[in-house]
Amino acid sequence: MVFRDHFGAWRNFPGPRPTHWFWGNIHEVMQTSPQQCHQRWLDKYGRVVRVHDVGGRAKLVCSDPVATQYLLLHPDAFIKPAGPNRILTDALDKGLVTVEGRAHRRQRRVLNPAFGWVQIQGLAPMIMDKVGEMRDKFARLIEEEMAGTGRVGRRMDVLHYMSETALDIIGEAGFGYDFNAIGDANSPLRNAYTSAVQHAFEFDATVMLTVMDARFGAIPTSRVRNMHAARSAAQVIGREIVAEKKKQVINYNKGLDKESLGKDVLSLMIRANMDPALRPDQRLTDDEVVAQIATVLFAGHETTSTALMWCLYHLSLHQDMQQRLRDELLEVPDERPDFDTLMNLPYLDKVVHESLRLESPVPNISRVATQDGVVPLSAPVTGRDGRPIEAIRVRKGEVIEVPLTYMNTLAEVWGPDAREFNPDRRDTGVPTQQLPGVWGGIMSFIGGPRNCIGHRLTILEMKAVLFALLRSFVFEQLPDPPKIKRTYMVIQRAVVVGEEEYGPQMPLLVRPYVET
């Protein structure tokens, strides 16, 4: 069964030979990164490429915008592969990220009202408070370093600090929970969540076997046992949080307490779920509500901190752009601007958009066909035999991968310098065509019914963090900058070559900004 696709319907699509007898081309991906492999394959072979997955199974990597849009607009016909989804479900439970079909539609319907612009706007004051705390922490740490060593500035792992900031913000925004990660506090929920995600992304033989066949995920390895234990601990705390939120909603609806109901996602979701107008078959169970806590944590913490890390990295490489952005931010007289002011700073908007375009935290997604069908193409693809392939004929169980970052850097869409950091890009008349993404013509938040529900919160959070930090600090490359390489396990982060054992990090030199 594993090798049946060697001679399947996709054999006429061009592509590279497998680099390993069992791991296929995934061996190459794990040694480098999805982004590098996609560039190499798609640049050489064209918009649709046949590669070999674990076990030798063929799959397509497709950057055709029409085909991609078709995949994203038909979420019941093209679902997440069972293996990778099993790993995420084991860590995060059956929340919005992992469920499919009717369950996803039901969860999305209840969650949607909590993620509109009006609701996100209500979170802006809290977000500005949190980024202010992080700014003060930066100032304290840098002052201690300068006093102790006389150095100007401090080496700081910005991923670590962006992770603390994002965790505190999503805790408050998601369910009114104060992790106080910026204050270096520990909490049972933080420990349980961190442990579950860490074990989910821990590499052992069963991870790749589970990617190949979800049934391998049932093997009770130490990684799986630890992950399940951490998830169970998080569920216990989650049930307590949900029970308290339900009491608040009941009291609010009875008119007994109009003040305590929070503006957080969980409060708004529970209120929507308890709406008498909602049909019983559309309501979420308590277990489904609890599952959203880990889901919101993962989606709002891991991806946002990674996006901020890459943004600060690119600004450290382009001091002129960093200073131009700082000049714009310093023109705002208030240290805590309101929502409208923050969202309407033009160069800040350009920088956030360009960073998300160039560095999608999730570089690729995969979809598996639930039935036989035909996926349209924007233009024919030349097959190995020289004949045009007019469309992708797909069989049930076959996998198509969408290279999000590659599509974000298509020269025909974004210009000849598409793989460079250029916030002024959109002033030159690009994109020349619209990609099927939900925001800004980019694929980083995906598109269709399964687009990233929290993209508005991510955009606001990134702008708030950059506003607070760049007014006070300069981010530079270290005098002897380490070599950075990308590492991938669902999310694409950075590691320092030679320091892989320390995990993902992004060390930069951070010093106080002194106006001249």
Protein backbone atom coordinates (compact mmCIF):
# COMPACT_ATOMS: atom_id res chain seq x y z
CA MET A 1 0.00 0.00 0.00
CA VAL A 2 2.81 2.39 0.89
CA PHE A 3 4.43 2.18 -2.55
CA ARG A 4 1.30 2.12 -4.71
CA ASP A 5 1.70 5.72 -5.89
CA HIS A 6 5.02 5.10 -7.65
CA PHE A 7 3.07 4.25 -10.79
CA GLY A 8 -0.05 6.32 -10.16
CA ALA A 9 -1.83 8.93 -12.22
CA TRP A 10 0.68 11.64 -11.33
CA ARG A 11 3.71 9.95 -12.87
CA ASN A 12 3.64 12.38 -15.82
CA PHE A 13 4.12 15.46 -13.62
CA PRO A 14 7.74 16.67 -13.55
CA GLY A 15 9.77 16.60 -10.36
CA PRO A 16 12.94 15.50 -8.57
CA ARG A 17 14.02 11.96 -7.88
CA PRO A 18 13.69 10.82 -4.24
CA THR A 19 16.82 11.43 -2.18
CA HIS A 20 16.17 8.50 0.17
CA TRP A 21 14.67 5.06 -0.44
CA PHE A 22 12.16 5.40 2.43
CA TRP A 23 11.96 9.08 3.37
CA GLY A 24 11.65 10.13 -0.26
CA ASN A 25 12.19 13.87 -0.75
CA ILE A 26 11.16 14.58 2.86
CA HIS A 27 14.73 13.63 3.76
CA GLU A 28 15.83 16.71 1.81
CA VAL A 29 13.20 18.91 3.49
CA MET A 30 14.27 17.86 6.99
CA GLN A 31 17.93 18.56 6.16
CA THR A 32 17.19 22.07 4.86
CA SER A 33 13.70 23.63 5.01
CA PRO A 34 10.42 23.53 3.07
CA GLN A 35 11.10 27.02 1.76
CA GLN A 36 14.47 26.09 0.23
CA CYS A 37 13.13 22.87 -1.27
CA HIS A 38 10.07 24.54 -2.74
CA GLN A 39 12.22 27.21 -4.36
CA ARG A 40 14.56 24.63 -5.83
CA TRP A 41 11.84 22.28 -7.11
CA LEU A 42 9.29 24.79 -8.36
CA ASP A 43 11.86 27.11 -9.93
CA LYS A 44 13.25 24.15 -11.88
CA TYR A 45 10.16 22.10 -12.77
CA GLY A 46 7.29 24.60 -12.83
CA ARG A 47 4.10 25.41 -10.92
CA VAL A 48 3.11 21.79 -10.18
CA VAL A 49 5.79 19.32 -9.08
CA ARG A 50 5.63 15.63 -8.20
CA VAL A 51 7.71 14.67 -5.16
CA HIS A 52 7.95 11.60 -2.93
CA ASP A 53 6.63 11.56 0.62
CA VAL A 54 7.46 9.20 3.48
CA GLY A 55 7.26 5.59 2.32
CA GLY A 56 7.73 6.55 -1.33
CA ARG A 57 4.20 7.82 -1.87
CA ALA A 58 3.86 10.47 -4.55
CA LYS A 59 2.36 13.84 -3.77
CA LEU A 60 2.10 17.12 -5.65
CA VAL A 61 3.49 20.48 -4.60
CA CYS A 62 1.22 23.01 -6.29
CA SER A 63 1.72 26.78 -6.52
CA ASP A 64 -0.90 27.35 -9.22
CA PRO A 65 -3.27 30.06 -7.85
CA VAL A 66 -6.41 28.66 -9.49
CA ALA A 67 -5.71 25.15 -8.23
CA THR A 68 -4.88 26.46 -4.76
CA GLN A 69 -8.07 28.47 -4.61
CA TYR A 70 -10.06 25.39 -5.60
CA LEU A 71 -8.45 23.36 -2.80
CA LEU A 72 -9.14 26.03 -0.19
CA LEU A 73 -12.74 26.62 -1.28
CA HIS A 74 -13.63 22.92 -1.04
CA PRO A 75 -12.62 21.99 2.53
CA ASP A 76 -14.82 18.88 2.63
CA ALA A 77 -13.26 17.46 -0.53
CA PHE A 78 -9.70 18.32 0.58
CA ILE A 79 -8.96 17.86 4.28
CA LYS A 80 -5.84 17.85 6.42
CA PRO A 81 -3.83 14.61 6.19
CA ALA A 82 -4.68 12.25 9.04
CA GLY A 83 -1.10 11.65 10.20
CA PRO A 84 0.06 15.22 10.90
CA ASN A 85 -3.41 16.05 12.20
CA ARG A 86 -3.17 13.14 14.66
CA ILE A 87 -0.02 14.67 16.14
CA LEU A 88 -1.68 18.07 16.56
CA THR A 89 -4.86 16.54 17.98
CA ASP A 90 -2.86 14.60 20.56
CA ALA A 91 -1.35 17.89 21.75
CA LEU A 92 -4.21 20.35 21.27
CA ASP A 93 -7.36 18.21 21.48
CA LYS A 94 -10.27 18.45 19.04
CA GLY A 95 -10.40 22.21 18.56
CA LEU A 96 -10.83 24.47 15.54
CA VAL A 97 -7.38 23.73 14.11
CA THR A 98 -7.79 19.94 14.06
CA VAL A 99 -11.46 19.11 13.40
CA GLU A 100 -12.98 18.71 9.94
CA GLY A 101 -16.34 18.90 8.20
CA ARG A 102 -19.49 19.57 10.19
CA ALA A 103 -17.60 19.80 13.49
CA HIS A 104 -15.37 22.53 12.07
CA ARG A 105 -18.31 24.49 10.68
CA ARG A 106 -20.10 24.29 14.03
CA GLN A 107 -17.05 25.45 15.97
CA ARG A 108 -16.26 28.20 13.48
CA ARG A 109 -19.84 29.52 13.63
CA VAL A 110 -19.63 29.95 17.40
CA LEU A 111 -16.09 31.39 17.37
CA ASN A 112 -16.49 33.86 14.49
CA PRO A 113 -18.25 36.63 16.47
CA ALA A 114 -15.29 36.86 18.86
CA PHE A 115 -12.78 37.66 16.09
CA GLY A 116 -14.40 40.57 14.23
CA TRP A 117 -12.63 43.93 13.99
CA VAL A 118 -14.96 45.48 16.59
CA GLN A 119 -14.10 42.76 19.10
CA ILE A 120 -10.37 42.96 18.33
CA GLN A 121 -10.50 46.74 18.75
CA GLY A 122 -11.80 46.22 22.28
CA LEU A 123 -8.60 44.31 23.11
CA ALA A 124 -6.26 47.12 22.00
CA PRO A 125 -5.87 48.80 25.44
CA MET A 126 -4.88 45.50 27.08
CA ILE A 127 -2.42 44.75 24.27
CA MET A 128 -0.79 48.17 24.65
CA ASP A 129 -0.44 47.52 28.39
CA LYS A 130 1.31 44.21 27.75
CA VAL A 131 3.72 45.55 25.14
CA GLY A 132 4.48 48.42 27.52
CA GLU A 133 5.48 45.83 30.13
CA MET A 134 7.78 44.17 27.62
CA ARG A 135 9.33 47.52 26.67
CA ASP A 136 10.06 48.20 30.35
CA LYS A 137 11.59 44.72 30.74
CA PHE A 138 13.87 45.35 27.74
CA ALA A 139 14.96 48.66 29.26
CA ARG A 140 15.73 47.04 32.62
CA LEU A 141 17.70 44.15 31.13
CA ILE A 142 19.72 46.41 28.83
CA GLU A 143 20.46 48.86 31.65
CA GLU A 144 21.70 45.98 33.86
CA GLU A 145 23.98 44.75 31.06
CA MET A 146 25.40 48.19 30.36
CA ALA A 147 25.97 48.91 34.07
CA GLY A 148 27.72 45.59 34.62
CA THR A 149 29.90 45.45 31.51
CA GLY A 150 29.99 48.92 30.03
CA ARG A 151 28.75 47.51 26.74
CA VAL A 152 26.35 49.50 24.62
CA GLY A 153 23.38 47.21 24.30
CA ARG A 154 22.71 43.57 25.08
CA ARG A 155 22.59 40.30 23.16
CA MET A 156 18.96 39.19 23.38
CA ASP A 157 17.10 36.19 22.00
CA VAL A 158 14.17 38.11 20.55
CA LEU A 159 12.21 34.90 19.91
CA HIS A 160 12.20 34.20 23.66
CA TYR A 161 10.88 37.65 24.52
CA MET A 162 8.38 37.74 21.68
CA SER A 163 7.15 34.37 22.92
CA GLU A 164 6.62 35.78 26.42
CA THR A 165 4.76 38.78 25.03
CA ALA A 166 2.57 36.74 22.71
CA LEU A 167 1.72 34.28 25.49
CA ASP A 168 0.64 37.04 27.87
CA ILE A 169 -1.44 38.72 25.19
CA ILE A 170 -3.19 35.57 23.99
CA GLY A 171 -3.82 34.52 27.60
CA GLU A 172 -5.67 37.76 28.31
CA ALA A 173 -7.24 38.11 24.86
CA GLY A 174 -8.12 34.44 24.56
CA PHE A 175 -9.64 33.69 27.93
CA GLY A 176 -8.84 36.42 30.45
CA TYR A 177 -5.93 34.47 31.95
CA ASP A 178 -2.83 36.27 33.21
CA PHE A 179 0.21 34.10 32.52
CA ASN A 180 2.54 36.93 33.57
CA ALA A 181 5.20 35.39 31.35
CA ILE A 182 6.79 38.82 30.92
CA GLY A 183 7.17 38.86 34.70
CA ASP A 184 8.89 35.46 34.54
CA ALA A 185 6.04 33.78 36.43
CA ASN A 186 5.17 30.13 36.14
CA SER A 187 1.62 28.81 36.01
CA PRO A 188 0.16 25.29 35.82
CA LEU A 189 -1.56 26.05 32.51
CA ARG A 190 1.59 27.50 30.96
CA ASN A 191 3.62 24.48 32.05
CA ALA A 192 1.03 22.01 30.74
CA TYR A 193 0.58 23.80 27.41
CA THR A 194 4.31 24.26 26.86
CA SER A 195 4.95 20.61 27.65
CA ALA A 196 2.23 19.39 25.27
CA VAL A 197 3.53 21.48 22.36
CA GLN A 198 7.16 20.63 23.11
CA HIS A 199 6.44 16.91 23.03
CA ALA A 200 4.31 17.26 19.89
CA PHE A 201 7.26 18.81 18.05
CA GLU A 202 9.82 16.46 19.59
CA PHE A 203 11.35 14.33 16.88
CA ASP A 204 11.42 10.56 17.21
CA ALA A 205 10.85 7.67 14.81
CA THR A 206 7.12 7.54 15.52
CA VAL A 207 6.63 11.15 14.38
CA MET A 208 7.53 10.42 10.77
CA LEU A 209 5.76 7.06 10.90
CA THR A 210 2.63 8.85 12.15
CA VAL A 211 2.94 11.34 9.29
CA MET A 212 2.88 8.34 6.96
CA ASP A 213 0.05 6.52 8.77
CA ALA A 214 -1.95 8.00 11.66
CA ARG A 215 -2.26 4.60 13.31
CA PHE A 216 1.39 4.77 14.37
CA GLY A 217 0.37 7.65 16.66
CA ALA A 218 -1.21 5.11 19.00
CA ILE A 219 2.19 3.62 19.88
CA PRO A 220 2.67 4.59 23.56
CA THR A 221 6.19 6.00 23.34
CA SER A 222 7.46 8.28 26.10
CA ARG A 223 6.82 11.27 23.83
CA VAL A 224 3.18 10.29 23.33
CA ARG A 225 2.64 9.49 27.03
CA ASN A 226 4.14 12.82 28.11
CA MET A 227 2.08 14.69 25.54
CA HIS A 228 -1.15 13.04 26.69
CA ALA A 229 -0.34 13.75 30.34
CA ALA A 230 0.31 17.41 29.58
CA ARG A 231 -2.89 17.69 27.56
CA SER A 232 -4.89 16.11 30.40
CA ALA A 233 -3.42 18.59 32.88
CA ALA A 234 -4.34 21.48 30.57
CA GLN A 235 -7.88 20.11 30.22
CA VAL A 236 -8.41 20.06 34.00
CA ILE A 237 -7.44 23.73 34.24
CA GLY A 238 -9.44 24.53 31.12
CA ARG A 239 -12.61 23.06 32.59
CA GLU A 240 -12.21 25.28 35.65
CA ILE A 241 -11.80 28.36 33.45
CA VAL A 242 -14.82 27.45 31.31
CA ALA A 243 -17.00 26.80 34.37
CA GLU A 244 -16.16 30.23 35.78
CA LYS A 245 -16.81 31.93 32.43
CA LYS A 246 -20.20 30.21 32.14
CA LYS A 247 -21.18 31.53 35.57
CA GLN A 248 -20.24 35.04 34.47
CA VAL A 249 -22.30 34.74 31.28
CA ILE A 250 -25.32 33.40 33.20
CA ASN A 251 -25.12 36.26 35.70
CA TYR A 252 -24.70 38.74 32.85
CA ASN A 253 -27.73 37.38 31.01
CA LYS A 254 -29.80 37.54 34.21
CA GLY A 255 -28.77 41.13 34.76
CA LEU A 256 -27.09 40.23 38.07
CA ASP A 257 -23.60 41.33 37.04
CA LYS A 258 -23.08 43.52 33.99
CA GLU A 259 -19.47 44.38 34.84
CA SER A 260 -17.52 41.13 35.20
CA LEU A 261 -18.14 39.65 31.72
CA GLY A 262 -14.85 39.86 29.88
CA LYS A 263 -14.12 40.89 26.31
CA ASP A 264 -11.89 37.86 25.81
CA VAL A 265 -12.53 35.30 23.08
CA LEU A 266 -13.68 32.58 25.47
CA SER A 267 -16.26 34.82 27.17
CA LEU A 268 -17.66 35.96 23.83
CA MET A 269 -17.65 32.39 22.51
CA ILE A 270 -19.51 31.01 25.55
CA ARG A 271 -22.03 33.82 25.34
CA ALA A 272 -22.61 33.05 21.64
CA ASN A 273 -22.84 29.34 22.44
CA MET A 274 -25.50 29.99 25.10
CA ASP A 275 -27.58 32.25 22.84
CA PRO A 276 -31.19 30.96 22.92
CA ALA A 277 -31.43 31.60 19.17
CA LEU A 278 -28.73 29.00 18.49
CA ARG A 279 -30.15 25.60 17.59
CA PRO A 280 -29.21 22.78 20.00
CA ASP A 281 -27.42 20.86 17.23
CA GLN A 282 -25.23 23.91 16.58
CA ARG A 283 -24.06 24.30 20.17
CA LEU A 284 -20.62 23.20 21.31
CA THR A 285 -20.22 20.72 24.13
CA ASP A 286 -18.20 21.71 27.19
CA ASP A 287 -15.36 19.49 25.95
CA GLU A 288 -15.36 21.32 22.61
CA VAL A 289 -15.26 24.67 24.39
CA VAL A 290 -12.35 23.51 26.57
CA ALA A 291 -10.51 22.32 23.44
CA GLN A 292 -10.52 25.88 22.09
CA ILE A 293 -8.25 27.04 24.91
CA ALA A 294 -5.26 25.01 23.69
CA THR A 295 -6.19 25.83 20.10
CA VAL A 296 -6.26 29.58 20.71
CA LEU A 297 -3.02 29.34 22.69
CA PHE A 298 -1.21 27.51 19.90
CA ALA A 299 -2.57 29.58 17.03
CA GLY A 300 -2.14 32.90 18.81
CA HIS A 301 1.16 32.24 20.55
CA GLU A 302 3.45 30.13 18.38
CA THR A 303 2.68 31.81 15.06
CA THR A 304 2.61 35.42 16.30
CA SER A 305 5.88 35.16 18.22
CA THR A 306 7.51 33.61 15.16
CA ALA A 307 6.17 36.34 12.88
CA LEU A 308 7.53 39.04 15.20
CA MET A 309 10.90 37.28 15.39
CA TRP A 310 11.30 37.30 11.60
CA CYS A 311 10.13 40.90 11.35
CA LEU A 312 12.74 42.11 13.86
CA TYR A 313 15.36 40.01 12.07
CA HIS A 314 14.69 41.70 8.73
CA LEU A 315 14.61 45.15 10.31
CA SER A 316 18.00 44.40 11.90
CA LEU A 317 19.36 43.74 8.40
CA HIS A 318 17.87 46.97 7.01
CA GLN A 319 18.73 49.80 9.38
CA ASP A 320 17.47 52.44 6.96
CA MET A 321 14.02 50.88 6.92
CA GLN A 322 14.08 50.44 10.69
CA GLN A 323 14.90 54.12 11.16
CA ARG A 324 12.24 55.20 8.69
CA LEU A 325 9.68 53.17 10.64
CA ARG A 326 10.96 54.57 13.93
CA ASP A 327 10.61 58.12 12.61
CA GLU A 328 6.96 57.44 11.76
CA LEU A 329 6.28 55.90 15.17
CA LEU A 330 7.95 58.77 17.04
CA GLU A 331 5.66 61.25 15.31
CA VAL A 332 2.78 59.81 17.34
CA PRO A 333 2.64 61.90 20.55
CA ASP A 334 1.00 59.22 22.70
CA GLU A 335 2.91 56.20 24.05
CA ARG A 336 -0.40 54.30 24.08
CA PRO A 337 -2.08 55.20 20.77
CA ASP A 338 -5.67 54.23 20.21
CA PHE A 339 -6.68 51.48 17.81
CA ASP A 340 -7.38 53.73 14.83
CA THR A 341 -4.08 55.58 15.13
CA LEU A 342 -2.07 52.37 15.37
CA MET A 343 -3.84 50.66 12.49
CA ASN A 344 -3.50 53.63 10.14
CA LEU A 345 0.25 54.24 10.31
CA PRO A 346 1.16 53.66 6.63
CA TYR A 347 4.78 52.52 6.86
CA LEU A 348 4.06 50.32 9.87
CA ASP A 349 1.36 48.63 7.83
CA LYS A 350 3.79 48.13 4.95
CA VAL A 351 6.46 46.59 7.19
CA VAL A 352 4.03 44.15 8.82
CA HIS A 353 2.59 43.13 5.46
CA GLU A 354 6.03 42.64 3.88
CA SER A 355 7.33 40.62 6.80
CA LEU A 356 4.31 38.31 6.78
CA ARG A 357 4.61 37.98 3.00
CA LEU A 358 8.28 37.02 3.06
CA GLU A 359 8.21 34.90 6.23
CA SER A 360 4.95 33.03 6.59
CA PRO A 361 5.19 31.35 10.04
CA VAL A 362 3.51 28.29 8.53
CA PRO A 363 5.39 27.84 5.22
CA ASN A 364 3.16 25.18 3.70
CA ILE A 365 -0.06 23.23 4.19
CA SER A 366 -1.20 19.88 2.81
CA ARG A 367 -4.61 18.60 1.80
CA VAL A 368 -5.72 15.03 1.10
CA ALA A 369 -8.57 14.23 -1.29
CA THR A 370 -11.64 12.61 0.27
CA GLN A 371 -12.95 11.61 -3.16
CA ASP A 372 -11.86 11.33 -6.78
CA GLY A 373 -12.03 14.60 -8.67
CA VAL A 374 -10.45 17.17 -10.97
CA VAL A 375 -8.60 20.29 -9.80
CA PRO A 376 -8.45 23.10 -12.42
CA LEU A 377 -5.23 24.87 -13.38
CA SER A 378 -4.75 28.48 -14.48
CA ALA A 379 -2.65 27.24 -17.41
CA PRO A 380 -1.48 23.84 -18.67
CA VAL A 381 1.58 22.20 -17.14
CA THR A 382 4.09 20.48 -19.42
CA GLY A 383 4.35 16.80 -18.50
CA ARG A 384 7.42 14.60 -18.57
CA ASP A 385 6.35 13.35 -21.99
CA GLY A 386 6.17 16.91 -23.34
CA ARG A 387 2.38 16.97 -23.53
CA PRO A 388 0.26 19.63 -21.78
CA ILE A 389 -1.55 18.65 -18.58
CA GLU A 390 -4.78 20.66 -18.51
CA ALA A 391 -5.91 19.83 -14.94
CA ILE A 392 -4.95 17.73 -11.92
CA ARG A 393 -6.86 14.47 -11.78
CA VAL A 394 -6.89 13.44 -8.14
CA ARG A 395 -7.84 10.16 -6.53
CA LYS A 396 -9.18 9.66 -3.03
CA GLY A 397 -6.29 9.60 -0.56
CA GLU A 398 -3.82 11.55 -2.70
CA VAL A 399 -2.06 14.56 -1.18
CA ILE A 400 -1.46 18.04 -2.60
CA GLU A 401 0.86 20.41 -0.76
CA VAL A 402 0.46 24.19 -1.02
CA PRO A 403 3.77 26.12 -0.62
CA LEU A 404 2.50 29.29 1.06
CA THR A 405 5.83 31.11 1.32
CA TYR A 406 6.75 30.24 -2.26
CA MET A 407 3.45 31.65 -3.52
CA ASN A 408 4.10 34.79 -1.47
CA THR A 409 7.37 35.25 -3.36
CA LEU A 410 6.32 34.58 -6.94
CA ALA A 411 8.19 37.04 -9.17
CA GLU A 412 5.29 37.22 -11.64
CA VAL A 413 3.03 38.40 -8.80
CA TRP A 414 5.35 40.42 -6.55
CA GLY A 415 8.03 41.67 -8.94
CA PRO A 416 11.61 40.62 -9.78
CA ASP A 417 12.82 41.32 -6.23
CA ALA A 418 10.05 39.19 -4.70
CA ARG A 419 12.47 37.32 -2.40
CA GLU A 420 13.86 40.51 -0.90
CA PHE A 421 12.50 42.59 1.98
CA ASN A 422 10.93 45.72 0.47
CA PRO A 423 8.04 47.31 2.40
CA ASP A 424 7.41 49.79 -0.45
CA ARG A 425 6.66 46.93 -2.82
CA ARG A 426 2.94 47.64 -3.16
CA ASP A 427 3.65 51.21 -4.27
CA THR A 428 4.98 49.79 -7.56
CA GLY A 429 1.70 48.25 -8.73
CA VAL A 430 2.06 44.78 -7.24
CA PRO A 431 0.63 42.30 -6.68
CA THR A 432 -0.18 41.94 -10.35
CA GLN A 433 -2.72 39.24 -9.52
CA GLN A 434 -4.62 38.34 -6.40
CA LEU A 435 -3.67 35.18 -4.56
CA PRO A 436 -6.47 33.35 -2.70
CA GLY A 437 -5.43 34.59 0.75
CA VAL A 438 -7.73 36.18 3.31
CA TRP A 439 -5.61 39.31 3.96
CA GLY A 440 -3.43 41.59 1.87
CA GLY A 441 -3.19 39.31 -1.16
CA ILE A 442 -0.78 36.98 0.65
CA MET A 443 -1.12 33.32 1.60
CA SER A 444 0.21 33.52 5.16
CA PHE A 445 -3.27 33.37 6.72
CA ILE A 446 -4.48 30.92 4.07
CA GLY A 447 -7.94 31.50 2.56
CA GLY A 448 -11.35 29.96 2.10
CA PRO A 449 -13.58 28.71 4.95
CA ARG A 450 -10.54 27.49 6.90
CA ASN A 451 -8.61 30.75 6.85
CA CYS A 452 -6.82 31.82 10.03
CA ILE A 453 -9.61 33.08 12.28
CA GLY A 454 -7.20 35.14 14.40
CA HIS A 455 -5.42 37.04 11.64
CA ARG A 456 -6.81 40.41 12.78
CA LEU A 457 -5.47 39.88 16.29
CA THR A 458 -2.04 38.93 14.92
CA ILE A 459 -1.86 42.08 12.80
CA LEU A 460 -2.85 44.32 15.73
CA GLU A 461 -0.40 42.57 18.04
CA MET A 462 2.51 42.87 15.62
CA LYS A 463 1.86 46.57 15.13
CA ALA A 464 1.60 47.18 18.87
CA VAL A 465 4.86 45.35 19.65
CA LEU A 466 6.78 47.16 16.91
CA PHE A 467 5.34 50.50 18.03
CA ALA A 468 6.43 50.02 21.64
CA LEU A 469 9.88 48.55 21.01
CA LEU A 470 11.15 50.53 18.03
CA ARG A 471 10.42 53.90 19.65
CA SER A 472 12.83 52.94 22.44
CA PHE A 473 15.36 50.48 21.02
CA VAL A 474 17.52 49.72 18.01
CA PHE A 475 17.73 46.12 16.81
CA GLU A 476 21.00 45.20 15.09
CA GLN A 477 22.96 42.18 13.97
CA LEU A 478 25.57 41.07 16.49
CA PRO A 479 29.19 42.20 15.81
CA ASP A 480 30.00 38.59 14.91
CA PRO A 481 26.59 37.47 13.66
CA PRO A 482 25.88 33.74 13.94
CA LYS A 483 24.68 31.78 10.96
CA ILE A 484 20.91 31.39 11.09
CA LYS A 485 19.09 28.50 9.48
CA ARG A 486 15.40 27.69 9.31
CA THR A 487 13.97 24.76 11.19
CA TYR A 488 10.55 23.33 10.48
CA MET A 489 7.96 21.42 12.47
CA VAL A 490 4.57 22.89 11.45
CA ILE A 491 6.01 26.37 12.14
CA GLN A 492 9.20 27.69 10.55
CA ARG A 493 11.52 29.11 13.17
CA ALA A 494 15.21 29.97 13.35
CA VAL A 495 18.10 28.11 14.95
CA VAL A 496 21.75 29.10 15.26
CA VAL A 497 24.09 26.80 13.36
CA GLY A 498 26.24 25.01 15.91
CA GLU A 499 23.75 25.69 18.71
CA GLU A 500 20.93 23.45 17.54
CA GLU A 501 20.77 21.77 20.95
CA TYR A 502 19.45 25.04 22.42
CA GLY A 503 16.43 24.96 20.16
CA PRO A 504 14.88 27.83 18.19
CA GLN A 505 16.38 31.26 18.88
CA MET A 506 17.10 34.58 17.22
CA PRO A 507 19.94 36.47 18.95
CA LEU A 508 20.18 40.16 18.10
CA LEU A 509 21.96 43.15 19.60
CA VAL A 510 19.44 45.48 21.23
CA ARG A 511 20.49 48.93 22.41
CA PRO A 512 18.64 52.06 23.55
CA TYR A 513 17.66 54.47 20.83
CA VAL A 514 19.25 57.88 21.28
CA GLU A 515 17.78 60.62 19.12
CA THR A 516 20.44 62.69 17.36
